[in-house]
Amino acid sequence: MIILGDRYSFTKIEEERLAKQFDNITHISYKDMSVSNSIERLDNILYKNRTTVIVLNTKAILPSKLLTYLTKLELRGIEYITIEEFLEKYLHKCLISEDRGDISSLNNISTYTTWQYIQKRVIDYISIFLLLIPTLIAMVYSKYRINKESAGPLFFRQLRVGKDEKEFECIKLRSMCIDAEKNGAKFACDNDPRTFPWGKTIRHKKIDELIQIWNVAKGEMHFVGPRPERKIWTKEFEKSIPFYKQRHVVAPGITGLAQIKYQYGSGKLDAQQKLMYDLYYIKNWSILLELEIIYKTALFVLTKKRENLSNF
């Protein structure tokens, strides 16, 4: 694979995933390079390495001479593809560019059709049924541990933003001390000092989110979808991340594509990366994609190894 240009910067995790799909990955910085030099560089690389894909990772309009050259390469079985198409096809995410350039790839992002919604609700109710007993067990044991380690209620309730930006009360098993936000709202992080021992365990294993099957039963959430955020954060992200509001055209979920594809993180950069996965999920929803996410979620919860997700 040859990456032509610097418009999108691949994350380390993405580079590792791509390395498993392509034998050779070469980057050419297209900026300030003449057409003749670009073609010469491409010829040299194609002569030395087997290449099947050339990624046009640039917002510049390619000159006709270079496009003619790329078209001829197709006769040799070498595909050229825009960065928007490449990200969707190989990394399952929609490009969100700071330059707000070509947004054609985001045109088909809309709420579920009636038939899609029915399928999702069937999956929701099956998930509730399967998780009911594990959730009750988690509640009983967590009650014992929380009473022992951190005085306060068993449940933690917080307003989150749902479909059409309407807030709802999201419920979790409490994993932090009751005065966790005495100094103001802040993102949770790995090894968060505000957690108590059992709270750290249930956060790490996602046990604290099992109780959200109650939100699913009420229709406020689905089992799979974008994770719900607090309004204090969504307002901030909407100011700086293009198209952030589009994640709210569907109801949020307990798990989602972003949760299995991207590492735990917080802040604008992480929110933008997760949004790319969320938008891909909404745009390309299918029953197969839904089931794959559920399978990969279970695999990750049981093993905690992201390499098990590399082929998805």
C-alpha atoms as a PDB file:
ATOM      1  CA  MET A   1       0.000   0.000   0.000  1.00  0.00           C
ATOM      2  CA  ILE A   2       1.139   3.524  -0.798  1.00  0.00           C
ATOM      3  CA  ILE A   3      -0.228   6.516   1.144  1.00  0.00           C
ATOM      4  CA  LEU A   4       0.035   9.652  -0.961  1.00  0.00           C
ATOM      5  CA  GLY A   5      -0.272  12.791   1.144  1.00  0.00           C
ATOM      6  CA  ASP A   6      -0.644  13.872   4.778  1.00  0.00           C
ATOM      7  CA  ARG A   7      -4.279  14.892   5.160  1.00  0.00           C
ATOM      8  CA  TYR A   8      -5.135  12.183   7.695  1.00  0.00           C
ATOM      9  CA  SER A   9      -2.720  10.963  10.380  1.00  0.00           C
ATOM     10  CA  PHE A  10      -3.138   7.303  11.240  1.00  0.00           C
ATOM     11  CA  THR A  11      -3.058   6.341  14.913  1.00  0.00           C
ATOM     12  CA  LYS A  12      -0.600   3.759  16.203  1.00  0.00           C
ATOM     13  CA  ILE A  13      -3.386   1.190  16.605  1.00  0.00           C
ATOM     14  CA  GLU A  14      -4.516   1.788  13.012  1.00  0.00           C
ATOM     15  CA  GLU A  15      -0.972   1.382  11.711  1.00  0.00           C
ATOM     16  CA  GLU A  16      -0.748  -1.961  13.521  1.00  0.00           C
ATOM     17  CA  ARG A  17      -4.054  -3.105  12.017  1.00  0.00           C
ATOM     18  CA  LEU A  18      -3.042  -2.047   8.522  1.00  0.00           C
ATOM     19  CA  ALA A  19       0.309  -3.810   8.885  1.00  0.00           C
ATOM     20  CA  LYS A  20      -1.627  -7.075   9.259  1.00  0.00           C
ATOM     21  CA  GLN A  21      -3.533  -6.405   6.040  1.00  0.00           C
ATOM     22  CA  PHE A  22      -0.727  -5.090   3.816  1.00  0.00           C
ATOM     23  CA  ASP A  23       2.797  -6.495   3.431  1.00  0.00           C
ATOM     24  CA  ASN A  24       4.353  -3.128   2.625  1.00  0.00           C
ATOM     25  CA  ILE A  25       3.172   0.352   3.606  1.00  0.00           C
ATOM     26  CA  THR A  26       4.969   3.348   2.117  1.00  0.00           C
ATOM     27  CA  HIS A  27       4.174   7.002   2.758  1.00  0.00           C
ATOM     28  CA  ILE A  28       4.827   9.761   0.242  1.00  0.00           C
ATOM     29  CA  SER A  29       4.421  13.359   1.350  1.00  0.00           C
ATOM     30  CA  TYR A  30       2.646  14.877  -1.646  1.00  0.00           C
ATOM     31  CA  LYS A  31       2.850  18.495  -0.459  1.00  0.00           C
ATOM     32  CA  ASP A  32       5.030  20.761  -2.640  1.00  0.00           C
ATOM     33  CA  MET A  33       5.941  17.855  -4.916  1.00  0.00           C
ATOM     34  CA  SER A  34       5.725  18.227  -8.671  1.00  0.00           C
ATOM     35  CA  VAL A  35       3.652  15.843 -10.758  1.00  0.00           C
ATOM     36  CA  SER A  36       6.755  14.418 -12.437  1.00  0.00           C
ATOM     37  CA  ASN A  37       8.446  13.776  -9.091  1.00  0.00           C
ATOM     38  CA  SER A  38       5.299  12.156  -7.720  1.00  0.00           C
ATOM     39  CA  ILE A  39       5.065   9.784 -10.672  1.00  0.00           C
ATOM     40  CA  GLU A  40       8.770   9.004 -10.446  1.00  0.00           C
ATOM     41  CA  ARG A  41       8.468   8.171  -6.734  1.00  0.00           C
ATOM     42  CA  LEU A  42       5.463   5.978  -7.377  1.00  0.00           C
ATOM     43  CA  ASP A  43       7.240   4.157 -10.213  1.00  0.00           C
ATOM     44  CA  ASN A  44      10.262   3.432  -7.989  1.00  0.00           C
ATOM     45  CA  ILE A  45       8.131   2.061  -5.170  1.00  0.00           C
ATOM     46  CA  LEU A  46       5.954  -0.015  -7.505  1.00  0.00           C
ATOM     47  CA  TYR A  47       9.079  -1.488  -9.100  1.00  0.00           C
ATOM     48  CA  LYS A  48      10.529  -2.567  -5.728  1.00  0.00           C
ATOM     49  CA  ASN A  49       7.393  -3.630  -3.840  1.00  0.00           C
ATOM     50  CA  ARG A  50       4.142  -5.399  -4.615  1.00  0.00           C
ATOM     51  CA  THR A  51       1.411  -2.778  -4.234  1.00  0.00           C
ATOM     52  CA  THR A  52      -2.338  -3.251  -4.515  1.00  0.00           C
ATOM     53  CA  VAL A  53      -3.703   0.055  -3.181  1.00  0.00           C
ATOM     54  CA  ILE A  54      -2.732   3.713  -3.504  1.00  0.00           C
ATOM     55  CA  VAL A  55      -4.473   5.939  -0.950  1.00  0.00           C
ATOM     56  CA  LEU A  56      -5.055   9.552  -2.035  1.00  0.00           C
ATOM     57  CA  ASN A  57      -4.544  11.107   1.388  1.00  0.00           C
ATOM     58  CA  THR A  58      -4.660  14.704   0.223  1.00  0.00           C
ATOM     59  CA  LYS A  59      -7.214  17.484  -0.057  1.00  0.00           C
ATOM     60  CA  ALA A  60      -5.477  18.908  -3.112  1.00  0.00           C
ATOM     61  CA  ILE A  61      -7.096  18.494  -6.527  1.00  0.00           C
ATOM     62  CA  LEU A  62      -4.902  16.060  -8.430  1.00  0.00           C
ATOM     63  CA  PRO A  63      -3.668  17.255 -11.834  1.00  0.00           C
ATOM     64  CA  SER A  64      -4.950  15.427 -14.906  1.00  0.00           C
ATOM     65  CA  LYS A  65      -1.495  13.988 -15.690  1.00  0.00           C
ATOM     66  CA  LEU A  66      -1.344  12.233 -12.316  1.00  0.00           C
ATOM     67  CA  LEU A  67      -4.949  11.013 -12.604  1.00  0.00           C
ATOM     68  CA  THR A  68      -4.189   9.566 -16.044  1.00  0.00           C
ATOM     69  CA  TYR A  69      -1.181   7.773 -14.563  1.00  0.00           C
ATOM     70  CA  LEU A  70      -3.275   6.336 -11.718  1.00  0.00           C
ATOM     71  CA  THR A  71      -5.967   5.226 -14.152  1.00  0.00           C
ATOM     72  CA  LYS A  72      -3.411   3.284 -16.175  1.00  0.00           C
ATOM     73  CA  LEU A  73      -2.258   1.552 -12.975  1.00  0.00           C
ATOM     74  CA  GLU A  74      -5.754   0.106 -12.596  1.00  0.00           C
ATOM     75  CA  LEU A  75      -5.062  -1.997 -15.694  1.00  0.00           C
ATOM     76  CA  ARG A  76      -2.239  -3.596 -13.683  1.00  0.00           C
ATOM     77  CA  GLY A  77      -4.614  -4.393 -10.803  1.00  0.00           C
ATOM     78  CA  ILE A  78      -3.517  -1.457  -8.634  1.00  0.00           C
ATOM     79  CA  GLU A  79      -6.472   0.329  -7.053  1.00  0.00           C
ATOM     80  CA  TYR A  80      -6.412   4.023  -6.184  1.00  0.00           C
ATOM     81  CA  ILE A  81      -8.848   5.178  -3.545  1.00  0.00           C
ATOM     82  CA  THR A  82      -9.625   8.385  -1.645  1.00  0.00           C
ATOM     83  CA  ILE A  83      -8.825   8.578   2.060  1.00  0.00           C
ATOM     84  CA  GLU A  84     -12.569   8.780   2.834  1.00  0.00           C
ATOM     85  CA  GLU A  85     -13.245   5.510   0.996  1.00  0.00           C
ATOM     86  CA  PHE A  86     -10.145   3.855   2.447  1.00  0.00           C
ATOM     87  CA  LEU A  87     -11.057   4.611   6.062  1.00  0.00           C
ATOM     88  CA  GLU A  88     -14.548   3.206   5.614  1.00  0.00           C
ATOM     89  CA  LYS A  89     -13.437   0.090   3.734  1.00  0.00           C
ATOM     90  CA  TYR A  90     -10.417  -0.904   5.816  1.00  0.00           C
ATOM     91  CA  LEU A  91     -10.792   0.795   9.227  1.00  0.00           C
ATOM     92  CA  HIS A  92     -14.582   1.155   9.576  1.00  0.00           C
ATOM     93  CA  LYS A  93     -14.660   4.867  10.299  1.00  0.00           C
ATOM     94  CA  CYS A  94     -15.890   8.018   8.548  1.00  0.00           C
ATOM     95  CA  LEU A  95     -13.364  10.777   8.008  1.00  0.00           C
ATOM     96  CA  ILE A  96     -14.021  13.984   9.932  1.00  0.00           C
ATOM     97  CA  SER A  97     -11.659  16.611   8.641  1.00  0.00           C
ATOM     98  CA  GLU A  98     -10.833  19.870  10.358  1.00  0.00           C
ATOM     99  CA  ASP A  99     -10.871  21.615   6.975  1.00  0.00           C
ATOM    100  CA  ARG A 100     -14.555  20.598   6.563  1.00  0.00           C
ATOM    101  CA  GLY A 101     -13.834  19.825   2.926  1.00  0.00           C
ATOM    102  CA  ASP A 102     -15.569  17.001   1.050  1.00  0.00           C
ATOM    103  CA  ILE A 103     -18.446  15.806   3.245  1.00  0.00           C
ATOM    104  CA  SER A 104     -20.152  13.588   0.666  1.00  0.00           C
ATOM    105  CA  SER A 105     -19.242  10.487   2.713  1.00  0.00           C
ATOM    106  CA  LEU A 106     -21.422  11.817   5.558  1.00  0.00           C
ATOM    107  CA  ASN A 107     -24.554  12.390   3.479  1.00  0.00           C
ATOM    108  CA  ASN A 108     -26.188   9.057   4.316  1.00  0.00           C
ATOM    109  CA  ILE A 109     -26.051   9.368   8.098  1.00  0.00           C
ATOM    110  CA  SER A 110     -29.629   9.246   9.373  1.00  0.00           C
ATOM    111  CA  THR A 111     -31.798   7.501  11.934  1.00  0.00           C
ATOM    112  CA  TYR A 112     -32.724   3.835  11.584  1.00  0.00           C
ATOM    113  CA  THR A 113     -35.483   2.767   9.241  1.00  0.00           C
ATOM    114  CA  THR A 114     -38.562   1.160  10.823  1.00  0.00           C
ATOM    115  CA  TRP A 115     -37.311  -2.319   9.929  1.00  0.00           C
ATOM    116  CA  GLN A 116     -33.827  -1.603  11.298  1.00  0.00           C
ATOM    117  CA  TYR A 117     -35.335  -0.279  14.534  1.00  0.00           C
ATOM    118  CA  ILE A 118     -37.456  -3.411  14.946  1.00  0.00           C
ATOM    119  CA  GLN A 119     -34.363  -5.600  14.493  1.00  0.00           C
ATOM    120  CA  LYS A 120     -32.427  -3.562  17.041  1.00  0.00           C
ATOM    121  CA  ARG A 121     -35.225  -3.781  19.621  1.00  0.00           C
ATOM    122  CA  VAL A 122     -35.390  -7.559  19.180  1.00  0.00           C
ATOM    123  CA  ILE A 123     -31.642  -7.702  19.882  1.00  0.00           C
ATOM    124  CA  ASP A 124     -32.139  -5.354  22.842  1.00  0.00           C
ATOM    125  CA  TYR A 125     -34.744  -7.609  24.466  1.00  0.00           C
ATOM    126  CA  ILE A 126     -32.710 -10.765  23.837  1.00  0.00           C
ATOM    127  CA  SER A 127     -29.706  -9.041  25.456  1.00  0.00           C
ATOM    128  CA  ILE A 128     -31.800  -8.012  28.464  1.00  0.00           C
ATOM    129  CA  PHE A 129     -32.996 -11.592  28.913  1.00  0.00           C
ATOM    130  CA  LEU A 130     -29.478 -13.049  28.668  1.00  0.00           C
ATOM    131  CA  LEU A 131     -27.932 -10.457  30.993  1.00  0.00           C
ATOM    132  CA  LEU A 132     -30.677 -10.354  33.613  1.00  0.00           C
ATOM    133  CA  ILE A 133     -29.259 -13.060  35.908  1.00  0.00           C
ATOM    134  CA  PRO A 134     -25.607 -11.850  35.635  1.00  0.00           C
ATOM    135  CA  THR A 135     -26.837  -8.318  36.377  1.00  0.00           C
ATOM    136  CA  LEU A 136     -28.750  -9.423  39.491  1.00  0.00           C
ATOM    137  CA  ILE A 137     -25.701 -11.336  40.742  1.00  0.00           C
ATOM    138  CA  ALA A 138     -23.483  -8.311  40.094  1.00  0.00           C
ATOM    139  CA  MET A 139     -25.918  -6.073  41.985  1.00  0.00           C
ATOM    140  CA  VAL A 140     -26.044  -8.340  45.047  1.00  0.00           C
ATOM    141  CA  TYR A 141     -22.282  -8.818  45.291  1.00  0.00           C
ATOM    142  CA  SER A 142     -21.566  -5.171  44.505  1.00  0.00           C
ATOM    143  CA  LYS A 143     -23.923  -4.133  47.288  1.00  0.00           C
ATOM    144  CA  TYR A 144     -21.823  -6.161  49.718  1.00  0.00           C
ATOM    145  CA  ARG A 145     -18.485  -4.814  48.426  1.00  0.00           C
ATOM    146  CA  ILE A 146     -19.599  -1.191  48.117  1.00  0.00           C
ATOM    147  CA  ASN A 147     -21.003  -1.160  51.669  1.00  0.00           C
ATOM    148  CA  LYS A 148     -17.649  -2.491  52.816  1.00  0.00           C
ATOM    149  CA  GLU A 149     -15.391  -0.168  50.807  1.00  0.00           C
ATOM    150  CA  SER A 150     -17.266   3.083  50.161  1.00  0.00           C
ATOM    151  CA  ALA A 151     -20.222   4.358  52.147  1.00  0.00           C
ATOM    152  CA  GLY A 152     -23.037   5.501  49.897  1.00  0.00           C
ATOM    153  CA  PRO A 153     -25.658   4.271  47.431  1.00  0.00           C
ATOM    154  CA  LEU A 154     -25.323   1.206  45.199  1.00  0.00           C
ATOM    155  CA  PHE A 155     -26.388   3.040  42.063  1.00  0.00           C
ATOM    156  CA  PHE A 156     -24.953   6.104  40.367  1.00  0.00           C
ATOM    157  CA  ARG A 157     -27.399   8.163  38.322  1.00  0.00           C
ATOM    158  CA  GLN A 158     -26.371  10.877  35.895  1.00  0.00           C
ATOM    159  CA  LEU A 159     -28.041  12.805  33.080  1.00  0.00           C
ATOM    160  CA  ARG A 160     -26.717  11.827  29.661  1.00  0.00           C
ATOM    161  CA  VAL A 161     -27.555  13.029  26.158  1.00  0.00           C
ATOM    162  CA  GLY A 162     -29.654  10.620  24.115  1.00  0.00           C
ATOM    163  CA  LYS A 163     -31.463  10.581  20.790  1.00  0.00           C
ATOM    164  CA  ASP A 164     -32.284  14.018  19.369  1.00  0.00           C
ATOM    165  CA  GLU A 165     -30.121  15.535  22.156  1.00  0.00           C
ATOM    166  CA  LYS A 166     -32.759  14.785  24.801  1.00  0.00           C
ATOM    167  CA  GLU A 167     -31.327  14.063  28.242  1.00  0.00           C
ATOM    168  CA  PHE A 168     -32.185  10.922  30.214  1.00  0.00           C
ATOM    169  CA  GLU A 169     -31.087   9.507  33.553  1.00  0.00           C
ATOM    170  CA  CYS A 170     -28.398   6.910  32.884  1.00  0.00           C
ATOM    171  CA  ILE A 171     -27.831   4.388  35.675  1.00  0.00           C
ATOM    172  CA  LYS A 172     -24.654   2.517  36.627  1.00  0.00           C
ATOM    173  CA  LEU A 173     -23.302   0.594  39.588  1.00  0.00           C
ATOM    174  CA  ARG A 174     -21.342   3.157  41.606  1.00  0.00           C
ATOM    175  CA  SER A 175     -17.594   2.774  41.132  1.00  0.00           C
ATOM    176  CA  MET A 176     -16.312   6.073  42.577  1.00  0.00           C
ATOM    177  CA  CYS A 177     -16.459   7.780  45.950  1.00  0.00           C
ATOM    178  CA  ILE A 178     -19.564   9.912  46.452  1.00  0.00           C
ATOM    179  CA  ASP A 179     -17.604  13.205  46.334  1.00  0.00           C
ATOM    180  CA  ALA A 180     -15.783  12.290  43.094  1.00  0.00           C
ATOM    181  CA  GLU A 181     -16.720  15.586  41.425  1.00  0.00           C
ATOM    182  CA  LYS A 182     -16.399  17.970  44.338  1.00  0.00           C
ATOM    183  CA  ASN A 183     -13.891  19.952  42.278  1.00  0.00           C
ATOM    184  CA  GLY A 184     -16.005  19.945  39.120  1.00  0.00           C
ATOM    185  CA  ALA A 185     -16.742  17.599  36.227  1.00  0.00           C
ATOM    186  CA  LYS A 186     -13.823  15.668  34.766  1.00  0.00           C
ATOM    187  CA  PHE A 187     -13.343  12.680  32.500  1.00  0.00           C
ATOM    188  CA  ALA A 188     -12.735   9.289  34.054  1.00  0.00           C
ATOM    189  CA  CYS A 189      -9.415   7.667  33.194  1.00  0.00           C
ATOM    190  CA  ASP A 190      -7.550   4.398  33.625  1.00  0.00           C
ATOM    191  CA  ASN A 191      -6.530   3.828  37.245  1.00  0.00           C
ATOM    192  CA  ASP A 192      -8.727   6.755  38.294  1.00  0.00           C
ATOM    193  CA  PRO A 193      -7.803   7.691  41.891  1.00  0.00           C
ATOM    194  CA  ARG A 194     -11.465   8.443  42.636  1.00  0.00           C
ATOM    195  CA  THR A 195     -12.386   4.751  42.423  1.00  0.00           C
ATOM    196  CA  PHE A 196     -12.352   2.356  45.373  1.00  0.00           C
ATOM    197  CA  PRO A 197     -10.974  -1.220  44.916  1.00  0.00           C
ATOM    198  CA  TRP A 198     -14.216  -2.941  43.847  1.00  0.00           C
ATOM    199  CA  GLY A 199     -15.183   0.115  41.827  1.00  0.00           C
ATOM    200  CA  LYS A 200     -11.929  -0.157  39.892  1.00  0.00           C
ATOM    201  CA  THR A 201     -12.675  -3.823  39.170  1.00  0.00           C
ATOM    202  CA  ILE A 202     -16.203  -3.293  37.888  1.00  0.00           C
ATOM    203  CA  ARG A 203     -15.116  -0.348  35.732  1.00  0.00           C
ATOM    204  CA  HIS A 204     -12.290  -2.373  34.206  1.00  0.00           C
ATOM    205  CA  LYS A 205     -14.550  -5.344  33.475  1.00  0.00           C
ATOM    206  CA  LYS A 206     -17.519  -3.125  32.436  1.00  0.00           C
ATOM    207  CA  ILE A 207     -19.682  -4.741  35.137  1.00  0.00           C
ATOM    208  CA  ASP A 208     -20.803  -1.291  36.310  1.00  0.00           C
ATOM    209  CA  GLU A 209     -22.655  -0.808  32.999  1.00  0.00           C
ATOM    210  CA  LEU A 210     -24.712  -4.016  33.174  1.00  0.00           C
ATOM    211  CA  ILE A 211     -27.488  -2.242  35.048  1.00  0.00           C
ATOM    212  CA  GLN A 212     -28.026  -0.051  31.979  1.00  0.00           C
ATOM    213  CA  ILE A 213     -30.192  -2.837  30.605  1.00  0.00           C
ATOM    214  CA  TRP A 214     -32.848  -0.898  32.573  1.00  0.00           C
ATOM    215  CA  ASN A 215     -32.279   2.094  30.273  1.00  0.00           C
ATOM    216  CA  VAL A 216     -32.471  -0.284  27.302  1.00  0.00           C
ATOM    217  CA  ALA A 217     -35.765  -1.714  28.530  1.00  0.00           C
ATOM    218  CA  LYS A 218     -37.170   1.813  28.846  1.00  0.00           C
ATOM    219  CA  GLY A 219     -36.180   2.600  25.250  1.00  0.00           C
ATOM    220  CA  GLU A 220     -33.705   5.311  26.241  1.00  0.00           C
ATOM    221  CA  MET A 221     -30.770   3.243  24.997  1.00  0.00           C
ATOM    222  CA  HIS A 222     -30.021   0.306  22.725  1.00  0.00           C
ATOM    223  CA  PHE A 223     -27.641  -2.493  23.592  1.00  0.00           C
ATOM    224  CA  VAL A 224     -25.376  -1.272  20.741  1.00  0.00           C
ATOM    225  CA  GLY A 225     -24.883   2.362  19.758  1.00  0.00           C
ATOM    226  CA  PRO A 226     -22.735   5.429  20.427  1.00  0.00           C
ATOM    227  CA  ARG A 227     -21.904   5.777  24.122  1.00  0.00           C
ATOM    228  CA  PRO A 228     -23.971   8.526  25.820  1.00  0.00           C
ATOM    229  CA  GLU A 229     -22.059  11.588  26.998  1.00  0.00           C
ATOM    230  CA  ARG A 230     -22.896  14.331  29.478  1.00  0.00           C
ATOM    231  CA  LYS A 231     -24.255  17.600  28.121  1.00  0.00           C
ATOM    232  CA  ILE A 232     -21.308  19.524  29.570  1.00  0.00           C
ATOM    233  CA  TRP A 233     -19.033  17.540  27.229  1.00  0.00           C
ATOM    234  CA  THR A 234     -21.312  17.373  24.172  1.00  0.00           C
ATOM    235  CA  LYS A 235     -21.693  21.166  24.179  1.00  0.00           C
ATOM    236  CA  GLU A 236     -17.920  21.522  24.297  1.00  0.00           C
ATOM    237  CA  PHE A 237     -17.311  18.977  21.532  1.00  0.00           C
ATOM    238  CA  GLU A 238     -19.972  20.495  19.280  1.00  0.00           C
ATOM    239  CA  LYS A 239     -17.976  23.747  19.266  1.00  0.00           C
ATOM    240  CA  SER A 240     -14.746  22.153  18.104  1.00  0.00           C
ATOM    241  CA  ILE A 241     -15.552  18.842  16.367  1.00  0.00           C
ATOM    242  CA  PRO A 242     -17.365  19.041  13.012  1.00  0.00           C
ATOM    243  CA  PHE A 243     -20.547  16.966  12.707  1.00  0.00           C
ATOM    244  CA  TYR A 244     -20.522  15.932  16.377  1.00  0.00           C
ATOM    245  CA  LYS A 245     -24.294  16.449  16.632  1.00  0.00           C
ATOM    246  CA  GLN A 246     -24.908  13.730  14.050  1.00  0.00           C
ATOM    247  CA  ARG A 247     -24.198  10.990  16.587  1.00  0.00           C
ATOM    248  CA  HIS A 248     -27.470  11.970  18.275  1.00  0.00           C
ATOM    249  CA  VAL A 249     -29.699  10.966  15.358  1.00  0.00           C
ATOM    250  CA  VAL A 250     -29.897   7.536  17.038  1.00  0.00           C
ATOM    251  CA  ALA A 251     -30.208   6.391  20.643  1.00  0.00           C
ATOM    252  CA  PRO A 252     -26.958   5.606  22.507  1.00  0.00           C
ATOM    253  CA  GLY A 253     -25.837   2.125  23.514  1.00  0.00           C
ATOM    254  CA  ILE A 254     -24.169   0.160  26.296  1.00  0.00           C
ATOM    255  CA  THR A 255     -21.463  -0.915  23.860  1.00  0.00           C
ATOM    256  CA  GLY A 256     -20.561   0.269  20.375  1.00  0.00           C
ATOM    257  CA  LEU A 257     -18.114   0.174  17.507  1.00  0.00           C
ATOM    258  CA  ALA A 258     -16.002   2.963  19.024  1.00  0.00           C
ATOM    259  CA  GLN A 259     -15.686   1.045  22.298  1.00  0.00           C
ATOM    260  CA  ILE A 260     -14.200  -2.037  20.661  1.00  0.00           C
ATOM    261  CA  LYS A 261     -12.082  -0.231  18.053  1.00  0.00           C
ATOM    262  CA  TYR A 262     -10.556   2.585  20.096  1.00  0.00           C
ATOM    263  CA  GLN A 263      -8.633   2.601  23.350  1.00  0.00           C
ATOM    264  CA  TYR A 264     -10.054   4.143  26.509  1.00  0.00           C
ATOM    265  CA  GLY A 265      -9.547   7.896  26.366  1.00  0.00           C
ATOM    266  CA  SER A 266     -10.911  11.349  27.016  1.00  0.00           C
ATOM    267  CA  GLY A 267     -10.728  14.827  25.589  1.00  0.00           C
ATOM    268  CA  LYS A 268     -11.286  16.299  22.144  1.00  0.00           C
ATOM    269  CA  LEU A 269      -8.877  14.073  20.187  1.00  0.00           C
ATOM    270  CA  ASP A 270     -10.346  10.878  21.597  1.00  0.00           C
ATOM    271  CA  ALA A 271     -13.916  12.161  21.146  1.00  0.00           C
ATOM    272  CA  GLN A 272     -13.205  12.928  17.479  1.00  0.00           C
ATOM    273  CA  GLN A 273     -11.702   9.499  16.857  1.00  0.00           C
ATOM    274  CA  LYS A 274     -14.675   7.778  18.525  1.00  0.00           C
ATOM    275  CA  LEU A 275     -17.085   9.928  16.536  1.00  0.00           C
ATOM    276  CA  MET A 276     -15.605   8.628  13.280  1.00  0.00           C
ATOM    277  CA  TYR A 277     -16.467   5.070  14.341  1.00  0.00           C
ATOM    278  CA  ASP A 278     -19.923   6.098  15.590  1.00  0.00           C
ATOM    279  CA  LEU A 279     -20.771   7.749  12.279  1.00  0.00           C
ATOM    280  CA  TYR A 280     -19.597   4.707  10.335  1.00  0.00           C
ATOM    281  CA  TYR A 281     -21.821   2.515  12.506  1.00  0.00           C
ATOM    282  CA  ILE A 282     -24.874   4.713  11.943  1.00  0.00           C
ATOM    283  CA  LYS A 283     -24.228   5.055   8.219  1.00  0.00           C
ATOM    284  CA  ASN A 284     -23.515   1.364   7.581  1.00  0.00           C
ATOM    285  CA  TRP A 285     -25.815  -0.296  10.090  1.00  0.00           C
ATOM    286  CA  SER A 286     -26.709  -3.907   9.367  1.00  0.00           C
ATOM    287  CA  ILE A 287     -27.747  -6.881  11.455  1.00  0.00           C
ATOM    288  CA  LEU A 288     -24.345  -8.466  10.708  1.00  0.00           C
ATOM    289  CA  LEU A 289     -22.468  -5.395  11.949  1.00  0.00           C
ATOM    290  CA  GLU A 290     -24.620  -5.403  15.101  1.00  0.00           C
ATOM    291  CA  LEU A 291     -23.861  -9.042  15.859  1.00  0.00           C
ATOM    292  CA  GLU A 292     -20.148  -8.596  15.141  1.00  0.00           C
ATOM    293  CA  ILE A 293     -19.958  -5.743  17.658  1.00  0.00           C
ATOM    294  CA  ILE A 294     -21.718  -7.834  20.308  1.00  0.00           C
ATOM    295  CA  TYR A 295     -19.374 -10.768  19.665  1.00  0.00           C
ATOM    296  CA  LYS A 296     -16.264  -8.584  19.795  1.00  0.00           C
ATOM    297  CA  THR A 297     -17.513  -6.862  22.962  1.00  0.00           C
ATOM    298  CA  ALA A 298     -17.914 -10.227  24.692  1.00  0.00           C
ATOM    299  CA  LEU A 299     -14.476 -11.296  23.467  1.00  0.00           C
ATOM    300  CA  PHE A 300     -12.851  -8.127  24.763  1.00  0.00           C
ATOM    301  CA  VAL A 301     -14.622  -8.245  28.142  1.00  0.00           C
ATOM    302  CA  LEU A 302     -13.531 -11.863  28.625  1.00  0.00           C
ATOM    303  CA  THR A 303      -9.918 -11.468  27.445  1.00  0.00           C
ATOM    304  CA  LYS A 304      -9.148  -7.725  27.673  1.00  0.00           C
ATOM    305  CA  LYS A 305      -6.935  -8.152  24.596  1.00  0.00           C
ATOM    306  CA  ARG A 306      -7.464  -5.676  21.777  1.00  0.00           C
ATOM    307  CA  GLU A 307      -5.390  -7.781  19.405  1.00  0.00           C
ATOM    308  CA  ASN A 308      -8.363 -10.162  19.316  1.00  0.00           C
ATOM    309  CA  LEU A 309     -10.279  -7.371  17.573  1.00  0.00           C
ATOM    310  CA  SER A 310      -7.655  -6.623  14.917  1.00  0.00           C
ATOM    311  CA  ASN A 311      -9.443  -8.426  12.090  1.00  0.00           C
ATOM    312  CA  PHE A 312     -12.649  -6.432  12.531  1.00  0.00           C
END
